[in-house]
Amino acid sequence: MFEIIRRALMAGLGMQAKLKEFIDELVKEGELSKTQGARLIREWSDKADKTGKDLSKSIVALVGKPLEKMNIPTKDEVEELQRKVQGLSARVERLEEAMPSVETTER
């Protein structure tokens, strides 16, 4: 799956470079004005960006569904747990400092 996606992205990048070369050649030969060439490149680039974003959403959905079924936590969930652990650790340290008469065990 990863290899298919990688190849599609690489093909898209290669196609973008070839399109720019082709348009530059048309401008050089006088078939297009610089303004027309720039507009074509911009339009194609905008469409490629939209397609790339749509592809990313599709990939996230495609990969996300099996991960949900496997009950694997998301990056956001892991980060939230890390924040909670850090907060609790800081709270424990403050409590330990406030109670110097109580011996604490080594960590």
PDB file of N, CA and C in Angstrom:
ATOM      1  N   MET A   1       0.829  -1.187   0.000  1.00  0.00           N
ATOM      2  CA  MET A   1       0.000   0.000   0.000  1.00  0.00           C
ATOM      3  C   MET A   1       0.877   1.256   0.000  1.00  0.00           C
ATOM      4  N   PHE A   2       1.858   1.293   0.919  1.00  0.00           N
ATOM      5  CA  PHE A   2       2.753   2.451   1.018  1.00  0.00           C
ATOM      6  C   PHE A   2       3.466   2.680  -0.308  1.00  0.00           C
ATOM      7  N   GLU A   3       3.925   1.614  -0.917  1.00  0.00           N
ATOM      8  CA  GLU A   3       4.670   1.730  -2.177  1.00  0.00           C
ATOM      9  C   GLU A   3       3.782   2.299  -3.286  1.00  0.00           C
ATOM     10  N   ILE A   4       2.541   1.899  -3.323  1.00  0.00           N
ATOM     11  CA  ILE A   4       1.609   2.416  -4.330  1.00  0.00           C
ATOM     12  C   ILE A   4       1.417   3.920  -4.144  1.00  0.00           C
ATOM     13  N   ILE A   5       1.223   4.324  -2.903  1.00  0.00           N
ATOM     14  CA  ILE A   5       1.031   5.748  -2.604  1.00  0.00           C
ATOM     15  C   ILE A   5       2.289   6.530  -2.957  1.00  0.00           C
ATOM     16  N   ARG A   6       3.443   5.993  -2.589  1.00  0.00           N
ATOM     17  CA  ARG A   6       4.709   6.673  -2.867  1.00  0.00           C
ATOM     18  C   ARG A   6       4.896   6.857  -4.374  1.00  0.00           C
ATOM     19  N   ARG A   7       4.614   5.813  -5.119  1.00  0.00           N
ATOM     20  CA  ARG A   7       4.763   5.895  -6.583  1.00  0.00           C
ATOM     21  C   ARG A   7       3.810   6.925  -7.184  1.00  0.00           C
ATOM     22  N   ALA A   8       2.588   6.974  -6.678  1.00  0.00           N
ATOM     23  CA  ALA A   8       1.614   7.947  -7.183  1.00  0.00           C
ATOM     24  C   ALA A   8       2.089   9.368  -6.909  1.00  0.00           C
ATOM     25  N   LEU A   9       2.604   9.595  -5.718  1.00  0.00           N
ATOM     26  CA  LEU A   9       3.094  10.933  -5.377  1.00  0.00           C
ATOM     27  C   LEU A   9       4.308  11.309  -6.219  1.00  0.00           C
ATOM     28  N   MET A  10       5.213  10.366  -6.403  1.00  0.00           N
ATOM     29  CA  MET A  10       6.409  10.636  -7.207  1.00  0.00           C
ATOM     30  C   MET A  10       6.022  10.916  -8.663  1.00  0.00           C
ATOM     31  N   ALA A  11       5.053  10.170  -9.167  1.00  0.00           N
ATOM     32  CA  ALA A  11       4.588  10.402 -10.538  1.00  0.00           C
ATOM     33  C   ALA A  11       3.988  11.795 -10.659  1.00  0.00           C
ATOM     34  N   GLY A  12       3.234  12.199  -9.660  1.00  0.00           N
ATOM     35  CA  GLY A  12       2.651  13.538  -9.664  1.00  0.00           C
ATOM     36  C   GLY A  12       3.709  14.616  -9.664  1.00  0.00           C
ATOM     37  N   LEU A  13       4.752  14.428  -8.870  1.00  0.00           N
ATOM     38  CA  LEU A  13       5.838  15.410  -8.829  1.00  0.00           C
ATOM     39  C   LEU A  13       6.573  15.460 -10.169  1.00  0.00           C
ATOM     40  N   GLY A  14       6.804  14.302 -10.754  1.00  0.00           N
ATOM     41  CA  GLY A  14       7.466  14.252 -12.056  1.00  0.00           C
ATOM     42  C   GLY A  14       6.621  14.904 -13.135  1.00  0.00           C
ATOM     43  N   MET A  15       5.329  14.670 -13.064  1.00  0.00           N
ATOM     44  CA  MET A  15       4.428  15.259 -14.043  1.00  0.00           C
ATOM     45  C   MET A  15       4.411  16.784 -13.909  1.00  0.00           C
ATOM     46  N   GLN A  16       4.459  17.278 -12.688  1.00  0.00           N
ATOM     47  CA  GLN A  16       4.469  18.722 -12.464  1.00  0.00           C
ATOM     48  C   GLN A  16       5.715  19.351 -13.093  1.00  0.00           C
ATOM     49  N   ALA A  17       6.852  18.712 -12.913  1.00  0.00           N
ATOM     50  CA  ALA A  17       8.098  19.228 -13.492  1.00  0.00           C
ATOM     51  C   ALA A  17       8.025  19.210 -15.022  1.00  0.00           C
ATOM     52  N   LYS A  18       7.508  18.126 -15.583  1.00  0.00           N
ATOM     53  CA  LYS A  18       7.384  18.022 -17.047  1.00  0.00           C
ATOM     54  C   LYS A  18       6.419  19.073 -17.595  1.00  0.00           C
ATOM     55  N   LEU A  19       5.311  19.298 -16.885  1.00  0.00           N
ATOM     56  CA  LEU A  19       4.349  20.299 -17.321  1.00  0.00           C
ATOM     57  C   LEU A  19       4.989  21.682 -17.336  1.00  0.00           C
ATOM     58  N   LYS A  20       5.743  22.000 -16.304  1.00  0.00           N
ATOM     59  CA  LYS A  20       6.411  23.302 -16.236  1.00  0.00           C
ATOM     60  C   LYS A  20       7.395  23.444 -17.399  1.00  0.00           C
ATOM     61  N   GLU A  21       8.166  22.400 -17.667  1.00  0.00           N
ATOM     62  CA  GLU A  21       9.103  22.433 -18.800  1.00  0.00           C
ATOM     63  C   GLU A  21       8.350  22.660 -20.115  1.00  0.00           C
ATOM     64  N   PHE A  22       7.246  21.943 -20.285  1.00  0.00           N
ATOM     65  CA  PHE A  22       6.448  22.055 -21.505  1.00  0.00           C
ATOM     66  C   PHE A  22       5.898  23.470 -21.672  1.00  0.00           C
ATOM     67  N   ILE A  23       5.345  24.021 -20.607  1.00  0.00           N
ATOM     68  CA  ILE A  23       4.790  25.381 -20.672  1.00  0.00           C
ATOM     69  C   ILE A  23       5.896  26.397 -20.908  1.00  0.00           C
ATOM     70  N   ASP A  24       7.030  26.224 -20.232  1.00  0.00           N
ATOM     71  CA  ASP A  24       8.166  27.129 -20.458  1.00  0.00           C
ATOM     72  C   ASP A  24       8.600  27.105 -21.926  1.00  0.00           C
ATOM     73  N   GLU A  25       8.587  25.923 -22.519  1.00  0.00           N
ATOM     74  CA  GLU A  25       8.959  25.783 -23.934  1.00  0.00           C
ATOM     75  C   GLU A  25       7.942  26.494 -24.834  1.00  0.00           C
ATOM     76  N   LEU A  26       6.654  26.358 -24.510  1.00  0.00           N
ATOM     77  CA  LEU A  26       5.622  27.049 -25.290  1.00  0.00           C
ATOM     78  C   LEU A  26       5.771  28.565 -25.184  1.00  0.00           C
ATOM     79  N   VAL A  27       6.122  29.044 -24.004  1.00  0.00           N
ATOM     80  CA  VAL A  27       6.348  30.483 -23.816  1.00  0.00           C
ATOM     81  C   VAL A  27       7.557  30.920 -24.629  1.00  0.00           C
ATOM     82  N   LYS A  28       8.616  30.118 -24.567  1.00  0.00           N
ATOM     83  CA  LYS A  28       9.850  30.430 -25.296  1.00  0.00           C
ATOM     84  C   LYS A  28       9.594  30.505 -26.807  1.00  0.00           C
ATOM     85  N   GLU A  29       8.759  29.598 -27.301  1.00  0.00           N
ATOM     86  CA  GLU A  29       8.450  29.558 -28.733  1.00  0.00           C
ATOM     87  C   GLU A  29       7.397  30.591 -29.135  1.00  0.00           C
ATOM     88  N   GLY A  30       6.834  31.297 -28.167  1.00  0.00           N
ATOM     89  CA  GLY A  30       5.833  32.311 -28.466  1.00  0.00           C
ATOM     90  C   GLY A  30       4.421  31.782 -28.611  1.00  0.00           C
ATOM     91  N   GLU A  31       4.212  30.501 -28.315  1.00  0.00           N
ATOM     92  CA  GLU A  31       2.873  29.909 -28.401  1.00  0.00           C
ATOM     93  C   GLU A  31       1.970  30.424 -27.275  1.00  0.00           C
ATOM     94  N   LEU A  32       2.584  30.737 -26.146  1.00  0.00           N
ATOM     95  CA  LEU A  32       1.865  31.281 -24.988  1.00  0.00           C
ATOM     96  C   LEU A  32       2.609  32.511 -24.498  1.00  0.00           C
ATOM     97  N   SER A  33       1.856  33.433 -23.896  1.00  0.00           N
ATOM     98  CA  SER A  33       2.523  34.571 -23.256  1.00  0.00           C
ATOM     99  C   SER A  33       3.015  34.117 -21.879  1.00  0.00           C
ATOM    100  N   LYS A  34       3.904  34.894 -21.288  1.00  0.00           N
ATOM    101  CA  LYS A  34       4.386  34.553 -19.944  1.00  0.00           C
ATOM    102  C   LYS A  34       3.225  34.528 -18.956  1.00  0.00           C
ATOM    103  N   THR A  35       2.298  35.456 -19.133  1.00  0.00           N
ATOM    104  CA  THR A  35       1.126  35.519 -18.248  1.00  0.00           C
ATOM    105  C   THR A  35       0.277  34.263 -18.388  1.00  0.00           C
ATOM    106  N   GLN A  36       0.039  33.843 -19.617  1.00  0.00           N
ATOM    107  CA  GLN A  36      -0.746  32.625 -19.849  1.00  0.00           C
ATOM    108  C   GLN A  36      -0.037  31.404 -19.269  1.00  0.00           C
ATOM    109  N   GLY A  37       1.267  31.337 -19.484  1.00  0.00           N
ATOM    110  CA  GLY A  37       2.038  30.216 -18.950  1.00  0.00           C
ATOM    111  C   GLY A  37       1.981  30.170 -17.438  1.00  0.00           C
ATOM    112  N   ALA A  38       2.163  31.331 -16.811  1.00  0.00           N
ATOM    113  CA  ALA A  38       2.118  31.395 -15.345  1.00  0.00           C
ATOM    114  C   ALA A  38       0.740  31.001 -14.838  1.00  0.00           C
ATOM    115  N   ARG A  39      -0.314  31.458 -15.544  1.00  0.00           N
ATOM    116  CA  ARG A  39      -1.679  31.122 -15.132  1.00  0.00           C
ATOM    117  C   ARG A  39      -1.925  29.616 -15.246  1.00  0.00           C
ATOM    118  N   LEU A  40      -1.479  29.008 -16.330  1.00  0.00           N
ATOM    119  CA  LEU A  40      -1.649  27.558 -16.499  1.00  0.00           C
ATOM    120  C   LEU A  40      -0.929  26.779 -15.399  1.00  0.00           C
ATOM    121  N   ILE A  41       0.293  27.192 -15.112  1.00  0.00           N
ATOM    122  CA  ILE A  41       1.057  26.511 -14.058  1.00  0.00           C
ATOM    123  C   ILE A  41       0.354  26.667 -12.716  1.00  0.00           C
ATOM    124  N   ARG A  42      -0.123  27.885 -12.429  1.00  0.00           N
ATOM    125  CA  ARG A  42      -0.808  28.137 -11.159  1.00  0.00           C
ATOM    126  C   ARG A  42      -2.090  27.308 -11.063  1.00  0.00           C
ATOM    127  N   GLU A  43      -2.880  27.282 -12.148  1.00  0.00           N
ATOM    128  CA  GLU A  43      -4.124  26.501 -12.151  1.00  0.00           C
ATOM    129  C   GLU A  43      -3.836  25.018 -11.931  1.00  0.00           C
ATOM    130  N   TRP A  44      -2.843  24.510 -12.645  1.00  0.00           N
ATOM    131  CA  TRP A  44      -2.507  23.091 -12.498  1.00  0.00           C
ATOM    132  C   TRP A  44      -2.011  22.809 -11.085  1.00  0.00           C
ATOM    133  N   SER A  45      -1.199  23.714 -10.558  1.00  0.00           N
ATOM    134  CA  SER A  45      -0.666  23.545  -9.208  1.00  0.00           C
ATOM    135  C   SER A  45      -1.791  23.555  -8.175  1.00  0.00           C
ATOM    136  N   ASP A  46      -2.755  24.469  -8.346  1.00  0.00           N
ATOM    137  CA  ASP A  46      -3.904  24.523  -7.429  1.00  0.00           C
ATOM    138  C   ASP A  46      -4.698  23.225  -7.471  1.00  0.00           C
ATOM    139  N   LYS A  47      -4.924  22.712  -8.685  1.00  0.00           N
ATOM    140  CA  LYS A  47      -5.659  21.451  -8.818  1.00  0.00           C
ATOM    141  C   LYS A  47      -4.869  20.296  -8.204  1.00  0.00           C
ATOM    142  N   ALA A  48      -3.558  20.308  -8.402  1.00  0.00           N
ATOM    143  CA  ALA A  48      -2.715  19.251  -7.831  1.00  0.00           C
ATOM    144  C   ALA A  48      -2.746  19.315  -6.308  1.00  0.00           C
ATOM    145  N   ASP A  49      -2.725  20.534  -5.749  1.00  0.00           N
ATOM    146  CA  ASP A  49      -2.806  20.680  -4.292  1.00  0.00           C
ATOM    147  C   ASP A  49      -4.116  20.109  -3.766  1.00  0.00           C
ATOM    148  N   LYS A  50      -5.224  20.447  -4.436  1.00  0.00           N
ATOM    149  CA  LYS A  50      -6.530  19.944  -4.003  1.00  0.00           C
ATOM    150  C   LYS A  50      -6.567  18.423  -4.093  1.00  0.00           C
ATOM    151  N   THR A  51      -6.056  17.890  -5.191  1.00  0.00           N
ATOM    152  CA  THR A  51      -6.030  16.439  -5.360  1.00  0.00           C
ATOM    153  C   THR A  51      -5.175  15.789  -4.278  1.00  0.00           C
ATOM    154  N   GLY A  52      -4.036  16.401  -3.971  1.00  0.00           N
ATOM    155  CA  GLY A  52      -3.167  15.879  -2.920  1.00  0.00           C
ATOM    156  C   GLY A  52      -3.851  15.876  -1.569  1.00  0.00           C
ATOM    157  N   LYS A  53      -4.583  16.947  -1.275  1.00  0.00           N
ATOM    158  CA  LYS A  53      -5.310  17.015   0.000  1.00  0.00           C
ATOM    159  C   LYS A  53      -6.405  15.960   0.049  1.00  0.00           C
ATOM    160  N   ASP A  54      -7.122  15.797  -1.067  1.00  0.00           N
ATOM    161  CA  ASP A  54      -8.161  14.768  -1.133  1.00  0.00           C
ATOM    162  C   ASP A  54      -7.554  13.381  -0.952  1.00  0.00           C
ATOM    163  N   LEU A  55      -6.401  13.153  -1.571  1.00  0.00           N
ATOM    164  CA  LEU A  55      -5.718  11.867  -1.444  1.00  0.00           C
ATOM    165  C   LEU A  55      -5.303  11.629   0.004  1.00  0.00           C
ATOM    166  N   SER A  56      -4.787  12.665   0.655  1.00  0.00           N
ATOM    167  CA  SER A  56      -4.382  12.536   2.057  1.00  0.00           C
ATOM    168  C   SER A  56      -5.567  12.156   2.932  1.00  0.00           C
ATOM    169  N   LYS A  57      -6.707  12.813   2.704  1.00  0.00           N
ATOM    170  CA  LYS A  57      -7.906  12.491   3.488  1.00  0.00           C
ATOM    171  C   LYS A  57      -8.321  11.040   3.259  1.00  0.00           C
ATOM    172  N   SER A  58      -8.255  10.602   2.014  1.00  0.00           N
ATOM    173  CA  SER A  58      -8.632   9.224   1.693  1.00  0.00           C
ATOM    174  C   SER A  58      -7.701   8.228   2.368  1.00  0.00           C
ATOM    175  N   ILE A  59      -6.410   8.536   2.365  1.00  0.00           N
ATOM    176  CA  ILE A  59      -5.430   7.642   2.987  1.00  0.00           C
ATOM    177  C   ILE A  59      -5.661   7.570   4.487  1.00  0.00           C
ATOM    178  N   VAL A  60      -5.886   8.726   5.110  1.00  0.00           N
ATOM    179  CA  VAL A  60      -6.135   8.755   6.555  1.00  0.00           C
ATOM    180  C   VAL A  60      -7.373   7.922   6.883  1.00  0.00           C
ATOM    181  N   ALA A  61      -8.421   8.071   6.092  1.00  0.00           N
ATOM    182  CA  ALA A  61      -9.637   7.296   6.326  1.00  0.00           C
ATOM    183  C   ALA A  61      -9.389   5.811   6.109  1.00  0.00           C
ATOM    184  N   LEU A  62      -8.672   5.483   5.051  1.00  0.00           N
ATOM    185  CA  LEU A  62      -8.395   4.087   4.722  1.00  0.00           C
ATOM    186  C   LEU A  62      -7.554   3.410   5.794  1.00  0.00           C
ATOM    187  N   VAL A  63      -6.539   4.097   6.271  1.00  0.00           N
ATOM    188  CA  VAL A  63      -5.644   3.527   7.278  1.00  0.00           C
ATOM    189  C   VAL A  63      -6.274   3.615   8.664  1.00  0.00           C
ATOM    190  N   GLY A  64      -7.047   4.666   8.900  1.00  0.00           N
ATOM    191  CA  GLY A  64      -7.627   4.894  10.223  1.00  0.00           C
ATOM    192  C   GLY A  64      -8.647   3.851  10.629  1.00  0.00           C
ATOM    193  N   LYS A  65      -9.443   3.380   9.688  1.00  0.00           N
ATOM    194  CA  LYS A  65     -10.493   2.417  10.024  1.00  0.00           C
ATOM    195  C   LYS A  65      -9.934   1.120  10.607  1.00  0.00           C
ATOM    196  N   PRO A  66      -8.943   0.498   9.973  1.00  0.00           N
ATOM    197  CA  PRO A  66      -8.384  -0.721  10.577  1.00  0.00           C
ATOM    198  C   PRO A  66      -7.722  -0.447  11.935  1.00  0.00           C
ATOM    199  N   LEU A  67      -7.082   0.706  12.069  1.00  0.00           N
ATOM    200  CA  LEU A  67      -6.450   1.035  13.349  1.00  0.00           C
ATOM    201  C   LEU A  67      -7.496   1.202  14.442  1.00  0.00           C
ATOM    202  N   GLU A  68      -8.635   1.795  14.101  1.00  0.00           N
ATOM    203  CA  GLU A  68      -9.720   1.935  15.070  1.00  0.00           C
ATOM    204  C   GLU A  68     -10.181   0.565  15.543  1.00  0.00           C
ATOM    205  N   LYS A  69     -10.345  -0.347  14.610  1.00  0.00           N
ATOM    206  CA  LYS A  69     -10.797  -1.691  14.954  1.00  0.00           C
ATOM    207  C   LYS A  69      -9.784  -2.416  15.831  1.00  0.00           C
ATOM    208  N   MET A  70      -8.497  -2.085  15.654  1.00  0.00           N
ATOM    209  CA  MET A  70      -7.444  -2.726  16.446  1.00  0.00           C
ATOM    210  C   MET A  70      -7.287  -2.056  17.809  1.00  0.00           C
ATOM    211  N   ASN A  71      -8.052  -0.983  18.037  1.00  0.00           N
ATOM    212  CA  ASN A  71      -8.022  -0.248  19.295  1.00  0.00           C
ATOM    213  C   ASN A  71      -6.643   0.342  19.586  1.00  0.00           C
ATOM    214  N   ILE A  72      -5.961   0.803  18.551  1.00  0.00           N
ATOM    215  CA  ILE A  72      -4.656   1.447  18.697  1.00  0.00           C
ATOM    216  C   ILE A  72      -4.900   2.935  18.923  1.00  0.00           C
ATOM    217  N   PRO A  73      -4.296   3.505  19.973  1.00  0.00           N
ATOM    218  CA  PRO A  73      -4.535   4.928  20.246  1.00  0.00           C
ATOM    219  C   PRO A  73      -3.951   5.820  19.151  1.00  0.00           C
ATOM    220  N   THR A  74      -4.608   6.957  18.956  1.00  0.00           N
ATOM    221  CA  THR A  74      -4.123   7.925  17.977  1.00  0.00           C
ATOM    222  C   THR A  74      -2.981   8.732  18.584  1.00  0.00           C
ATOM    223  N   LYS A  75      -2.293   9.467  17.749  1.00  0.00           N
ATOM    224  CA  LYS A  75      -1.208  10.333  18.216  1.00  0.00           C
ATOM    225  C   LYS A  75      -1.745  11.345  19.219  1.00  0.00           C
ATOM    226  N   ASP A  76      -2.908  11.916  18.935  1.00  0.00           N
ATOM    227  CA  ASP A  76      -3.508  12.894  19.845  1.00  0.00           C
ATOM    228  C   ASP A  76      -3.824  12.267  21.200  1.00  0.00           C
ATOM    229  N   GLU A  77      -4.328  11.041  21.190  1.00  0.00           N
ATOM    230  CA  GLU A  77      -4.639  10.363  22.454  1.00  0.00           C
ATOM    231  C   GLU A  77      -3.375  10.098  23.262  1.00  0.00           C
ATOM    232  N   VAL A  78      -2.311   9.676  22.592  1.00  0.00           N
ATOM    233  CA  VAL A  78      -1.038   9.426  23.282  1.00  0.00           C
ATOM    234  C   VAL A  78      -0.490  10.731  23.851  1.00  0.00           C
ATOM    235  N   GLU A  79      -0.551  11.807  23.076  1.00  0.00           N
ATOM    236  CA  GLU A  79      -0.059  13.100  23.551  1.00  0.00           C
ATOM    237  C   GLU A  79      -0.866  13.585  24.747  1.00  0.00           C
ATOM    238  N   GLU A  80      -2.181  13.373  24.721  1.00  0.00           N
ATOM    239  CA  GLU A  80      -3.033  13.761  25.848  1.00  0.00           C
ATOM    240  C   GLU A  80      -2.639  12.984  27.101  1.00  0.00           C
ATOM    241  N   LEU A  81      -2.401  11.697  26.954  1.00  0.00           N
ATOM    242  CA  LEU A  81      -1.963  10.894  28.102  1.00  0.00           C
ATOM    243  C   LEU A  81      -0.609  11.368  28.621  1.00  0.00           C
ATOM    244  N   GLN A  82       0.299  11.728  27.722  1.00  0.00           N
ATOM    245  CA  GLN A  82       1.603  12.243  28.143  1.00  0.00           C
ATOM    246  C   GLN A  82       1.441  13.531  28.941  1.00  0.00           C
ATOM    247  N   ARG A  83       0.550  14.417  28.487  1.00  0.00           N
ATOM    248  CA  ARG A  83       0.302  15.663  29.228  1.00  0.00           C
ATOM    249  C   ARG A  83      -0.249  15.360  30.617  1.00  0.00           C
ATOM    250  N   LYS A  84      -1.171  14.408  30.698  1.00  0.00           N
ATOM    251  CA  LYS A  84      -1.754  14.048  31.993  1.00  0.00           C
ATOM    252  C   LYS A  84      -0.695  13.472  32.925  1.00  0.00           C
ATOM    253  N   VAL A  85       0.162  12.601  32.399  1.00  0.00           N
ATOM    254  CA  VAL A  85       1.226  12.006  33.217  1.00  0.00           C
ATOM    255  C   VAL A  85       2.177  13.089  33.711  1.00  0.00           C
ATOM    256  N   GLN A  86       2.549  14.020  32.841  1.00  0.00           N
ATOM    257  CA  GLN A  86       3.432  15.115  33.249  1.00  0.00           C
ATOM    258  C   GLN A  86       2.780  15.956  34.337  1.00  0.00           C
ATOM    259  N   GLY A  87       1.496  16.245  34.169  1.00  0.00           N
ATOM    260  CA  GLY A  87       0.774  17.026  35.174  1.00  0.00           C
ATOM    261  C   GLY A  87       0.709  16.304  36.500  1.00  0.00           C
ATOM    262  N   LEU A  88       0.406  15.019  36.455  1.00  0.00           N
ATOM    263  CA  LEU A  88       0.339  14.234  37.693  1.00  0.00           C
ATOM    264  C   LEU A  88       1.710  14.111  38.346  1.00  0.00           C
ATOM    265  N   SER A  89       2.746  13.951  37.545  1.00  0.00           N
ATOM    266  CA  SER A  89       4.109  13.868  38.096  1.00  0.00           C
ATOM    267  C   SER A  89       4.478  15.161  38.800  1.00  0.00           C
ATOM    268  N   ALA A  90       4.153  16.287  38.190  1.00  0.00           N
ATOM    269  CA  ALA A  90       4.446  17.586  38.808  1.00  0.00           C
ATOM    270  C   ALA A  90       3.655  17.744  40.098  1.00  0.00           C
ATOM    271  N   ARG A  91       2.425  17.297  40.086  1.00  0.00           N
ATOM    272  CA  ARG A  91       1.584  17.387  41.294  1.00  0.00           C
ATOM    273  C   ARG A  91       2.152  16.527  42.421  1.00  0.00           C
ATOM    274  N   VAL A  92       2.587  15.313  42.096  1.00  0.00           N
ATOM    275  CA  VAL A  92       3.187  14.428  43.098  1.00  0.00           C
ATOM    276  C   VAL A  92       4.442  15.067  43.674  1.00  0.00           C
ATOM    277  N   GLU A  93       5.273  15.655  42.820  1.00  0.00           N
ATOM    278  CA  GLU A  93       6.493  16.313  43.300  1.00  0.00           C
ATOM    279  C   GLU A  93       6.162  17.449  44.258  1.00  0.00           C
ATOM    280  N   ARG A  94       5.153  18.248  43.924  1.00  0.00           N
ATOM    281  CA  ARG A  94       4.762  19.355  44.816  1.00  0.00           C
ATOM    282  C   ARG A  94       4.261  18.817  46.147  1.00  0.00           C
ATOM    283  N   LEU A  95       3.481  17.741  46.097  1.00  0.00           N
ATOM    284  CA  LEU A  95       2.979  17.142  47.338  1.00  0.00           C
ATOM    285  C   LEU A  95       4.122  16.584  48.179  1.00  0.00           C
ATOM    286  N   GLU A  96       5.094  15.957  47.521  1.00  0.00           N
ATOM    287  CA  GLU A  96       6.245  15.415  48.245  1.00  0.00           C
ATOM    288  C   GLU A  96       7.046  16.530  48.901  1.00  0.00           C
ATOM    289  N   GLU A  97       7.198  17.645  48.207  1.00  0.00           N
ATOM    290  CA  GLU A  97       7.933  18.779  48.761  1.00  0.00           C
ATOM    291  C   GLU A  97       7.180  19.402  49.928  1.00  0.00           C
ATOM    292  N   ALA A  98       5.862  19.393  49.881  1.00  0.00           N
ATOM    293  CA  ALA A  98       5.047  19.978  50.941  1.00  0.00           C
ATOM    294  C   ALA A  98       5.004  19.102  52.180  1.00  0.00           C
ATOM    295  N   MET A  99       5.369  17.845  52.045  1.00  0.00           N
ATOM    296  CA  MET A  99       5.328  16.909  53.170  1.00  0.00           C
ATOM    297  C   MET A  99       6.723  16.336  53.414  1.00  0.00           C
ATOM    298  N   PRO A 100       7.672  17.156  53.906  1.00  0.00           N
ATOM    299  CA  PRO A 100       9.041  16.674  54.083  1.00  0.00           C
ATOM    300  C   PRO A 100       9.181  15.611  55.172  1.00  0.00           C
ATOM    301  N   SER A 101       8.219  15.537  56.088  1.00  0.00           N
ATOM    302  CA  SER A 101       8.345  14.561  57.165  1.00  0.00           C
ATOM    303  C   SER A 101       8.020  13.145  56.713  1.00  0.00           C
ATOM    304  N   VAL A 102       7.358  12.999  55.612  1.00  0.00           N
ATOM    305  CA  VAL A 102       7.008  11.677  55.102  1.00  0.00           C
ATOM    306  C   VAL A 102       8.130  11.214  54.183  1.00  0.00           C
ATOM    307  N   GLU A 103       8.684  10.026  54.492  1.00  0.00           N
ATOM    308  CA  GLU A 103       9.746   9.495  53.638  1.00  0.00           C
ATOM    309  C   GLU A 103       9.131   8.939  52.362  1.00  0.00           C
ATOM    310  N   THR A 104       9.799   9.213  51.284  1.00  0.00           N
ATOM    311  CA  THR A 104       9.320   8.688  50.005  1.00  0.00           C
ATOM    312  C   THR A 104      10.217   7.545  49.571  1.00  0.00           C
ATOM    313  N   THR A 105       9.641   6.644  48.849  1.00  0.00           N
ATOM    314  CA  THR A 105      10.438   5.528  48.345  1.00  0.00           C
ATOM    315  C   THR A 105      11.191   5.981  47.120  1.00  0.00           C
ATOM    316  N   GLU A 106      12.305   5.301  46.852  1.00  0.00           N
ATOM    317  CA  GLU A 106      13.091   5.634  45.658  1.00  0.00           C
ATOM    318  C   GLU A 106      12.308   5.272  44.423  1.00  0.00           C
ATOM    319  N   ARG A 107      12.540   6.054  43.401  1.00  0.00           N
ATOM    320  CA  ARG A 107      11.846   5.790  42.132  1.00  0.00           C
ATOM    321  C   ARG A 107      12.709   4.985  41.240  1.00  0.00           C
TER     322      ARG A 107
END
